[in-house]
Every structure is written in structure tokens, then in C-alpha cells.
């Protein structure tokens, strides 16, 4: 669909020849900006309710600057995950209002505030070493317009720490549970609450942890019902999914 066709479609809506919903369906596949090294999808929010989010790892500084420069014009809010401090400084040089969440490794540029639902997302981390993944989940959920409660260092090696937080945990609508080592926390939490649990295996642990594989397998074979699992260290995916559930 070219510019003239879009203009004609809008004119048809204005004249009542085409319904608004029909026009919206026609526009859902458009448009995108082709930068050569990346094609920026500007209508993802129309289709999915959330804008395209930039995965920064593996991209050059100049590529990230080019992507953010386009997105800040076209999008309401811009989020970049797995970003280094150097990437942030480059973005900030062209977008002064950019913010960096160091532990989560996320760059954010907010143009509008999103009103969150009253319900809460709980982010649980088994240990302090799991915090980078937990923070990626928490910041992602917050930037997508959710209220988040952080409950960290409540691993099963000291179960009383978790039990002390149960009243707070049970107030949440959905829970993200991050754990490395053997990943047992997700199964324990799943057996204590009546909320959906999104388990995130973390690549934290000694040799036989195999970079998070042991936690992943534990979570996948969890005996507690209502526990689903994302990939190793995928805090972003967990925070995104928790946000979708929280807004249902």
C-alpha cells in the first residue's frame, strides 16, 4: 500500500465509505523504516499492543544510534535491552532524555507515561546473583506500564526468608521467579500460591549448573501446576509476558 492508497483509505473513512476497524486492519501491516541493516516495525503496537523493542547485543554503536534516532520520532516510548554503558552514552548523545538501568542493562526513552493497572507483578529472585535477570524482568514490566513488587534473596536454602514474604507475594496477580543453581524456587513458589508463575532459569551456579541448564530442566519438570518457563536468563521475556497477563 503506497501513500496515495493510504490517503484514499483515510478519505473513505472520513466519508463513511470504510469503517474504522476495517481501515485499521488494512494498516496493520504498515509501515516500516528500512535502514539497510535493520527494518524498524512502526505498527507492531497496533498489532500486538506493544511497540517493537530493540535487542542491543550484537549491534554496533552506530547501528543502535541509527535505530534509536528513527524510533524516537515514530514511537511513543523506546526500549533497548542488553545494552552496555557505552551504547547508552551513544544514545544519550543524540537523545539527552534517555535513561539507563545499569543492573537491568536497559535503555529507555519515555515520551508518554503509561497508566498501570492497580494489580501487581511480583518479581522474585533466589539470590543476589540472580538480580541482573530479575531486574531485566522488573524494569521491562515497569516500562510497559505495570506496578512491580521486588522480592529478592528468598532462595530455598533459607526457606524462612520466602515464607516471611508470603503475604506480600500473594497480593500479586502474576509472579516471575528467577533462580539459578538447581532452580528449585519456582516449584516451591508454585506450590504456595494461586497465581500464574513464570519461571526464569538463571545461568548462575557451579560447574554442573551448565550455564543455567540444570535450572532450566528443573523448572521444565516442575511438579507444581501453573508454572511456565522461559529461556535461560530471559528476564525480558518473563517481564513482557507478566505484563500481558497483568493487563488481562
C-alpha atoms as a PDB file:
ATOM      1  CA  UNK A   1       0.000   0.000   0.000  1.00  0.00           C
ATOM      2  CA  UNK A   2       1.522   3.327  -1.092  1.00  0.00           C
ATOM      3  CA  UNK A   3       0.949   6.845   0.239  1.00  0.00           C
ATOM      4  CA  UNK A   4      -1.865   7.621  -2.197  1.00  0.00           C
ATOM      5  CA  UNK A   5      -3.683   4.427  -1.267  1.00  0.00           C
ATOM      6  CA  UNK A   6      -3.380   5.281   2.427  1.00  0.00           C
ATOM      7  CA  UNK A   7      -4.714   8.789   1.772  1.00  0.00           C
ATOM      8  CA  UNK A   8      -7.641   7.328  -0.149  1.00  0.00           C
ATOM      9  CA  UNK A   9      -8.348   4.893   2.666  1.00  0.00           C
ATOM     10  CA  UNK A  10      -8.414   7.730   5.206  1.00  0.00           C
ATOM     11  CA  UNK A  11     -10.709   9.734   2.929  1.00  0.00           C
ATOM     12  CA  UNK A  12     -13.068   6.764   2.687  1.00  0.00           C
ATOM     13  CA  UNK A  13     -13.175   6.574   6.473  1.00  0.00           C
ATOM     14  CA  UNK A  14     -13.937  10.285   6.659  1.00  0.00           C
ATOM     15  CA  UNK A  15     -16.781   9.897   4.169  1.00  0.00           C
ATOM     16  CA  UNK A  16     -18.150   6.821   5.904  1.00  0.00           C
ATOM     17  CA  UNK A  17     -17.409   4.501   2.976  1.00  0.00           C
ATOM     18  CA  UNK A  18     -14.995   2.437   5.074  1.00  0.00           C
ATOM     19  CA  UNK A  19     -15.334   1.552   8.745  1.00  0.00           C
ATOM     20  CA  UNK A  20     -12.620   2.490  11.236  1.00  0.00           C
ATOM     21  CA  UNK A  21     -11.982  -1.140  12.187  1.00  0.00           C
ATOM     22  CA  UNK A  22     -11.717  -2.152   8.549  1.00  0.00           C
ATOM     23  CA  UNK A  23      -9.213   0.641   7.895  1.00  0.00           C
ATOM     24  CA  UNK A  24      -7.198  -0.349  10.949  1.00  0.00           C
ATOM     25  CA  UNK A  25      -6.986  -3.916   9.686  1.00  0.00           C
ATOM     26  CA  UNK A  26      -5.687  -2.626   6.350  1.00  0.00           C
ATOM     27  CA  UNK A  27      -2.972  -0.581   8.043  1.00  0.00           C
ATOM     28  CA  UNK A  28      -1.761  -3.264  10.456  1.00  0.00           C
ATOM     29  CA  UNK A  29       0.994  -4.424   8.112  1.00  0.00           C
ATOM     30  CA  UNK A  30       2.401  -0.931   7.578  1.00  0.00           C
ATOM     31  CA  UNK A  31       4.811   0.727   7.692  1.00  0.00           C
ATOM     32  CA  UNK A  32       8.442   0.088   8.489  1.00  0.00           C
ATOM     33  CA  UNK A  33      11.644   2.060   8.063  1.00  0.00           C
ATOM     34  CA  UNK A  34      14.397   0.275   6.147  1.00  0.00           C
ATOM     35  CA  UNK A  35      17.823   1.318   7.462  1.00  0.00           C
ATOM     36  CA  UNK A  36      19.615  -1.311   5.404  1.00  0.00           C
ATOM     37  CA  UNK A  37      20.919  -3.138   8.469  1.00  0.00           C
ATOM     38  CA  UNK A  38      17.514  -3.120  10.192  1.00  0.00           C
ATOM     39  CA  UNK A  39      13.852  -2.765   9.308  1.00  0.00           C
ATOM     40  CA  UNK A  40      12.080  -0.869  12.096  1.00  0.00           C
ATOM     41  CA  UNK A  41       8.486  -2.026  12.532  1.00  0.00           C
ATOM     42  CA  UNK A  42       6.371   1.005  13.469  1.00  0.00           C
ATOM     43  CA  UNK A  43       2.998  -0.741  13.531  1.00  0.00           C
ATOM     44  CA  UNK A  44       3.826  -3.531  15.945  1.00  0.00           C
ATOM     45  CA  UNK A  45       1.939  -1.699  18.700  1.00  0.00           C
ATOM     46  CA  UNK A  46      -1.210  -1.631  16.536  1.00  0.00           C
ATOM     47  CA  UNK A  47      -0.984  -5.399  16.018  1.00  0.00           C
ATOM     48  CA  UNK A  48       0.195  -6.531  19.449  1.00  0.00           C
ATOM     49  CA  UNK A  49      -0.427  -3.674  21.876  1.00  0.00           C
ATOM     50  CA  UNK A  50       3.301  -3.184  22.489  1.00  0.00           C
ATOM     51  CA  UNK A  51       5.952  -1.366  20.418  1.00  0.00           C
ATOM     52  CA  UNK A  52       8.990  -3.009  18.882  1.00  0.00           C
ATOM     53  CA  UNK A  53      11.788  -3.343  21.436  1.00  0.00           C
ATOM     54  CA  UNK A  54      15.452  -3.139  20.459  1.00  0.00           C
ATOM     55  CA  UNK A  55      17.753  -6.041  21.324  1.00  0.00           C
ATOM     56  CA  UNK A  56      21.074  -4.187  21.541  1.00  0.00           C
ATOM     57  CA  UNK A  57      23.522  -7.066  21.996  1.00  0.00           C
ATOM     58  CA  UNK A  58      25.452  -7.845  18.821  1.00  0.00           C
ATOM     59  CA  UNK A  59      24.740  -4.453  17.254  1.00  0.00           C
ATOM     60  CA  UNK A  60      27.338  -1.741  16.709  1.00  0.00           C
ATOM     61  CA  UNK A  61      27.170   1.634  18.430  1.00  0.00           C
ATOM     62  CA  UNK A  62      26.346   3.342  15.128  1.00  0.00           C
ATOM     63  CA  UNK A  63      23.568   0.854  14.376  1.00  0.00           C
ATOM     64  CA  UNK A  64      21.971   1.448  17.762  1.00  0.00           C
ATOM     65  CA  UNK A  65      22.190   5.218  17.349  1.00  0.00           C
ATOM     66  CA  UNK A  66      20.540   4.928  13.937  1.00  0.00           C
ATOM     67  CA  UNK A  67      17.726   2.748  15.273  1.00  0.00           C
ATOM     68  CA  UNK A  68      17.007   4.978  18.270  1.00  0.00           C
ATOM     69  CA  UNK A  69      17.130   8.107  16.094  1.00  0.00           C
ATOM     70  CA  UNK A  70      14.315   6.728  13.932  1.00  0.00           C
ATOM     71  CA  UNK A  71      12.285   5.179  16.725  1.00  0.00           C
ATOM     72  CA  UNK A  72      12.217   8.291  18.916  1.00  0.00           C
ATOM     73  CA  UNK A  73      10.404  10.104  16.086  1.00  0.00           C
ATOM     74  CA  UNK A  74       7.971   7.312  15.243  1.00  0.00           C
ATOM     75  CA  UNK A  75       7.266   5.603  18.590  1.00  0.00           C
ATOM     76  CA  UNK A  76       5.682   6.706  21.857  1.00  0.00           C
ATOM     77  CA  UNK A  77       8.323   5.091  24.043  1.00  0.00           C
ATOM     78  CA  UNK A  78      11.558   3.316  23.127  1.00  0.00           C
ATOM     79  CA  UNK A  79      13.185   0.434  24.998  1.00  0.00           C
ATOM     80  CA  UNK A  80      16.544  -1.207  24.298  1.00  0.00           C
ATOM     81  CA  UNK A  81      17.569  -4.379  26.125  1.00  0.00           C
ATOM     82  CA  UNK A  82      21.014  -5.932  26.793  1.00  0.00           C
ATOM     83  CA  UNK A  83      22.686  -2.568  26.326  1.00  0.00           C
ATOM     84  CA  UNK A  84      26.174  -1.639  27.539  1.00  0.00           C
ATOM     85  CA  UNK A  85      27.063   1.660  29.215  1.00  0.00           C
ATOM     86  CA  UNK A  86      28.896   2.626  26.013  1.00  0.00           C
ATOM     87  CA  UNK A  87      25.722   2.062  23.992  1.00  0.00           C
ATOM     88  CA  UNK A  88      23.774   4.203  26.426  1.00  0.00           C
ATOM     89  CA  UNK A  89      26.261   7.063  26.210  1.00  0.00           C
ATOM     90  CA  UNK A  90      25.982   6.963  22.431  1.00  0.00           C
ATOM     91  CA  UNK A  91      22.180   7.101  22.579  1.00  0.00           C
ATOM     92  CA  UNK A  92      22.241   9.850  25.203  1.00  0.00           C
ATOM     93  CA  UNK A  93      24.467  11.954  22.937  1.00  0.00           C
ATOM     94  CA  UNK A  94      21.578  12.221  20.453  1.00  0.00           C
ATOM     95  CA  UNK A  95      18.654  11.794  22.874  1.00  0.00           C
ATOM     96  CA  UNK A  96      19.504  13.607  26.146  1.00  0.00           C
ATOM     97  CA  UNK A  97      16.393  12.332  27.942  1.00  0.00           C
ATOM     98  CA  UNK A  98      17.475   8.689  27.596  1.00  0.00           C
ATOM     99  CA  UNK A  99      17.760   6.743  30.872  1.00  0.00           C
ATOM    100  CA  UNK A 100      19.965   3.733  31.630  1.00  0.00           C
ATOM    101  CA  UNK A 101      19.051   0.979  34.096  1.00  0.00           C
ATOM    102  CA  UNK A 102      22.517  -0.386  34.792  1.00  0.00           C
ATOM    103  CA  UNK A 103      21.669  -3.656  36.557  1.00  0.00           C
ATOM    104  CA  UNK A 104      18.914  -4.490  34.057  1.00  0.00           C
ATOM    105  CA  UNK A 105      21.066  -3.293  31.114  1.00  0.00           C
ATOM    106  CA  UNK A 106      18.114  -1.435  29.606  1.00  0.00           C
ATOM    107  CA  UNK A 107      17.967   1.917  27.812  1.00  0.00           C
ATOM    108  CA  UNK A 108      14.630   3.734  27.960  1.00  0.00           C
ATOM    109  CA  UNK A 109      13.296   6.875  26.342  1.00  0.00           C
ATOM    110  CA  UNK A 110       9.848   7.879  27.640  1.00  0.00           C
ATOM    111  CA  UNK A 111       7.690  10.289  25.668  1.00  0.00           C
ATOM    112  CA  UNK A 112       4.435   9.477  27.459  1.00  0.00           C
ATOM    113  CA  UNK A 113       3.539   7.899  30.797  1.00  0.00           C
ATOM    114  CA  UNK A 114       1.533   4.688  30.696  1.00  0.00           C
ATOM    115  CA  UNK A 115      -1.145   4.369  33.380  1.00  0.00           C
ATOM    116  CA  UNK A 116      -0.633   0.999  35.090  1.00  0.00           C
ATOM    117  CA  UNK A 117      -3.408  -1.284  36.322  1.00  0.00           C
ATOM    118  CA  UNK A 118      -3.827  -1.467  40.083  1.00  0.00           C
ATOM    119  CA  UNK A 119      -2.769  -5.124  40.172  1.00  0.00           C
ATOM    120  CA  UNK A 120       0.850  -6.016  40.904  1.00  0.00           C
ATOM    121  CA  UNK A 121       3.534  -8.136  39.308  1.00  0.00           C
ATOM    122  CA  UNK A 122       5.832  -9.848  41.800  1.00  0.00           C
ATOM    123  CA  UNK A 123       9.467 -10.386  40.791  1.00  0.00           C
ATOM    124  CA  UNK A 124      11.233 -12.936  42.989  1.00  0.00           C
ATOM    125  CA  UNK A 125      14.955 -13.687  42.869  1.00  0.00           C
ATOM    126  CA  UNK A 126      16.512 -16.632  44.664  1.00  0.00           C
ATOM    127  CA  UNK A 127      19.802 -14.839  45.347  1.00  0.00           C
ATOM    128  CA  UNK A 128      21.616 -11.567  44.856  1.00  0.00           C
ATOM    129  CA  UNK A 129      23.495 -13.087  41.895  1.00  0.00           C
ATOM    130  CA  UNK A 130      20.154 -13.512  40.115  1.00  0.00           C
ATOM    131  CA  UNK A 131      19.366  -9.798  40.340  1.00  0.00           C
ATOM    132  CA  UNK A 132      20.504  -8.774  36.827  1.00  0.00           C
ATOM    133  CA  UNK A 133      17.968 -11.154  35.273  1.00  0.00           C
ATOM    134  CA  UNK A 134      15.319 -10.231  37.837  1.00  0.00           C
ATOM    135  CA  UNK A 135      15.890  -6.526  37.205  1.00  0.00           C
ATOM    136  CA  UNK A 136      15.598  -7.045  33.465  1.00  0.00           C
ATOM    137  CA  UNK A 137      12.169  -8.575  34.104  1.00  0.00           C
ATOM    138  CA  UNK A 138      11.153  -5.893  36.600  1.00  0.00           C
ATOM    139  CA  UNK A 139      12.241  -2.884  34.530  1.00  0.00           C
ATOM    140  CA  UNK A 140      10.690  -4.357  31.375  1.00  0.00           C
ATOM    141  CA  UNK A 141       7.353  -4.801  33.146  1.00  0.00           C
ATOM    142  CA  UNK A 142       7.512  -1.290  34.595  1.00  0.00           C
ATOM    143  CA  UNK A 143       8.377   0.370  31.294  1.00  0.00           C
ATOM    144  CA  UNK A 144       5.452  -1.440  29.669  1.00  0.00           C
ATOM    145  CA  UNK A 145       3.109   0.118  32.227  1.00  0.00           C
ATOM    146  CA  UNK A 146       2.877  -2.144  35.265  1.00  0.00           C
ATOM    147  CA  UNK A 147       3.412  -1.809  39.012  1.00  0.00           C
ATOM    148  CA  UNK A 148       6.085  -4.179  40.265  1.00  0.00           C
ATOM    149  CA  UNK A 149       6.989  -5.582  43.680  1.00  0.00           C
ATOM    150  CA  UNK A 150      10.575  -6.817  44.062  1.00  0.00           C
ATOM    151  CA  UNK A 151      11.241  -9.673  46.483  1.00  0.00           C
ATOM    152  CA  UNK A 152      14.905 -10.637  46.301  1.00  0.00           C
ATOM    153  CA  UNK A 153      17.204 -13.126  48.029  1.00  0.00           C
ATOM    154  CA  UNK A 154      14.473 -15.556  49.026  1.00  0.00           C
ATOM    155  CA  UNK A 155      16.020 -18.809  47.774  1.00  0.00           C
ATOM    156  CA  UNK A 156      15.176 -22.238  49.152  1.00  0.00           C
ATOM    157  CA  UNK A 157      18.475 -22.523  51.043  1.00  0.00           C
ATOM    158  CA  UNK A 158      16.813 -20.289  53.643  1.00  0.00           C
ATOM    159  CA  UNK A 159      13.134 -21.100  53.208  1.00  0.00           C
ATOM    160  CA  UNK A 160      12.049 -18.904  56.126  1.00  0.00           C
ATOM    161  CA  UNK A 161      13.002 -15.837  54.053  1.00  0.00           C
ATOM    162  CA  UNK A 162      10.423 -16.813  51.435  1.00  0.00           C
ATOM    163  CA  UNK A 163       7.721 -17.718  53.935  1.00  0.00           C
ATOM    164  CA  UNK A 164       8.088 -14.342  55.649  1.00  0.00           C
ATOM    165  CA  UNK A 165       7.188 -12.690  52.327  1.00  0.00           C
ATOM    166  CA  UNK A 166       4.165 -14.842  51.508  1.00  0.00           C
ATOM    167  CA  UNK A 167       1.538 -12.202  52.421  1.00  0.00           C
ATOM    168  CA  UNK A 168       3.248  -9.751  50.061  1.00  0.00           C
ATOM    169  CA  UNK A 169       3.660 -12.388  47.342  1.00  0.00           C
ATOM    170  CA  UNK A 170       0.006 -13.402  47.478  1.00  0.00           C
ATOM    171  CA  UNK A 171      -1.113  -9.829  46.751  1.00  0.00           C
ATOM    172  CA  UNK A 172       0.380 -10.060  43.256  1.00  0.00           C
ATOM    173  CA  UNK A 173      -1.604 -11.062  40.176  1.00  0.00           C
ATOM    174  CA  UNK A 174       1.309 -12.830  38.468  1.00  0.00           C
ATOM    175  CA  UNK A 175       4.786 -13.838  39.634  1.00  0.00           C
ATOM    176  CA  UNK A 176       8.150 -14.017  37.903  1.00  0.00           C
ATOM    177  CA  UNK A 177      10.578 -16.316  39.726  1.00  0.00           C
ATOM    178  CA  UNK A 178      14.279 -16.135  38.836  1.00  0.00           C
ATOM    179  CA  UNK A 179      16.651 -18.799  40.134  1.00  0.00           C
ATOM    180  CA  UNK A 180      19.996 -20.302  39.206  1.00  0.00           C
ATOM    181  CA  UNK A 181      21.776 -23.273  40.814  1.00  0.00           C
ATOM    182  CA  UNK A 182      19.154 -26.070  40.769  1.00  0.00           C
ATOM    183  CA  UNK A 183      16.235 -23.653  40.165  1.00  0.00           C
ATOM    184  CA  UNK A 184      14.025 -25.088  42.911  1.00  0.00           C
ATOM    185  CA  UNK A 185      12.445 -21.778  43.932  1.00  0.00           C
ATOM    186  CA  UNK A 186       9.911 -21.776  41.099  1.00  0.00           C
ATOM    187  CA  UNK A 187       8.492 -25.154  42.118  1.00  0.00           C
ATOM    188  CA  UNK A 188       8.258 -24.122  45.784  1.00  0.00           C
ATOM    189  CA  UNK A 189       6.502 -20.841  44.940  1.00  0.00           C
ATOM    190  CA  UNK A 190       4.161 -22.628  42.536  1.00  0.00           C
ATOM    191  CA  UNK A 191       3.033 -24.886  45.369  1.00  0.00           C
ATOM    192  CA  UNK A 192       2.276 -21.973  47.708  1.00  0.00           C
ATOM    193  CA  UNK A 193       0.208 -19.563  45.587  1.00  0.00           C
ATOM    194  CA  UNK A 194      -2.868 -19.477  43.376  1.00  0.00           C
ATOM    195  CA  UNK A 195      -1.213 -17.186  40.803  1.00  0.00           C
ATOM    196  CA  UNK A 196       0.463 -17.930  37.475  1.00  0.00           C
ATOM    197  CA  UNK A 197       4.224 -18.323  37.908  1.00  0.00           C
ATOM    198  CA  UNK A 198       6.693 -17.530  35.138  1.00  0.00           C
ATOM    199  CA  UNK A 199       9.961 -19.297  35.922  1.00  0.00           C
ATOM    200  CA  UNK A 200      13.277 -17.912  34.659  1.00  0.00           C
ATOM    201  CA  UNK A 201      16.343 -20.172  34.911  1.00  0.00           C
ATOM    202  CA  UNK A 202      19.467 -18.110  35.544  1.00  0.00           C
ATOM    203  CA  UNK A 203      22.971 -19.019  34.409  1.00  0.00           C
ATOM    204  CA  UNK A 204      24.209 -18.757  37.998  1.00  0.00           C
ATOM    205  CA  UNK A 205      25.823 -21.743  39.657  1.00  0.00           C
ATOM    206  CA  UNK A 206      28.817 -24.048  39.850  1.00  0.00           C
ATOM    207  CA  UNK A 207      30.062 -26.358  37.094  1.00  0.00           C
ATOM    208  CA  UNK A 208      27.221 -28.865  36.991  1.00  0.00           C
ATOM    209  CA  UNK A 209      24.778 -25.981  36.606  1.00  0.00           C
ATOM    210  CA  UNK A 210      25.950 -25.958  32.955  1.00  0.00           C
ATOM    211  CA  UNK A 211      25.271 -22.259  32.483  1.00  0.00           C
ATOM    212  CA  UNK A 212      21.667 -22.498  33.645  1.00  0.00           C
ATOM    213  CA  UNK A 213      20.762 -25.813  32.014  1.00  0.00           C
ATOM    214  CA  UNK A 214      20.226 -27.586  35.346  1.00  0.00           C
ATOM    215  CA  UNK A 215      17.816 -24.854  36.494  1.00  0.00           C
ATOM    216  CA  UNK A 216      16.030 -24.940  33.132  1.00  0.00           C
ATOM    217  CA  UNK A 217      15.479 -28.700  33.324  1.00  0.00           C
ATOM    218  CA  UNK A 218      14.307 -28.479  36.947  1.00  0.00           C
ATOM    219  CA  UNK A 219      11.769 -25.800  36.044  1.00  0.00           C
ATOM    220  CA  UNK A 220      10.570 -27.675  32.950  1.00  0.00           C
ATOM    221  CA  UNK A 221       9.972 -30.801  35.051  1.00  0.00           C
ATOM    222  CA  UNK A 222       8.372 -28.833  37.907  1.00  0.00           C
ATOM    223  CA  UNK A 223       5.658 -30.781  39.730  1.00  0.00           C
ATOM    224  CA  UNK A 224       3.737 -27.653  40.765  1.00  0.00           C
ATOM    225  CA  UNK A 225       0.879 -26.789  38.400  1.00  0.00           C
ATOM    226  CA  UNK A 226       0.627 -23.279  36.986  1.00  0.00           C
ATOM    227  CA  UNK A 227       4.363 -22.814  36.403  1.00  0.00           C
ATOM    228  CA  UNK A 228       5.554 -21.940  32.894  1.00  0.00           C
ATOM    229  CA  UNK A 229       9.169 -21.464  31.852  1.00  0.00           C
ATOM    230  CA  UNK A 230      11.080 -19.050  29.627  1.00  0.00           C
ATOM    231  CA  UNK A 231      14.611 -19.483  28.320  1.00  0.00           C
ATOM    232  CA  UNK A 232      17.803 -19.168  30.353  1.00  0.00           C
ATOM    233  CA  UNK A 233      18.379 -15.580  31.563  1.00  0.00           C
ATOM    234  CA  UNK A 234      15.345 -14.335  29.607  1.00  0.00           C
ATOM    235  CA  UNK A 235      14.215 -11.719  32.104  1.00  0.00           C
ATOM    236  CA  UNK A 236      12.870  -9.580  29.268  1.00  0.00           C
ATOM    237  CA  UNK A 237      10.573 -12.337  28.009  1.00  0.00           C
ATOM    238  CA  UNK A 238       9.304 -13.047  31.508  1.00  0.00           C
ATOM    239  CA  UNK A 239       8.650  -9.371  32.278  1.00  0.00           C
ATOM    240  CA  UNK A 240       6.898  -8.884  28.948  1.00  0.00           C
ATOM    241  CA  UNK A 241       4.636 -11.913  29.440  1.00  0.00           C
ATOM    242  CA  UNK A 242       3.887 -10.980  33.042  1.00  0.00           C
ATOM    243  CA  UNK A 243       2.834  -7.532  31.833  1.00  0.00           C
ATOM    244  CA  UNK A 244       0.442  -9.048  29.300  1.00  0.00           C
ATOM    245  CA  UNK A 245      -1.110 -11.283  31.964  1.00  0.00           C
ATOM    246  CA  UNK A 246      -1.358  -8.402  34.434  1.00  0.00           C
ATOM    247  CA  UNK A 247      -3.338  -6.309  31.952  1.00  0.00           C
ATOM    248  CA  UNK A 248      -5.866  -9.001  31.040  1.00  0.00           C
END
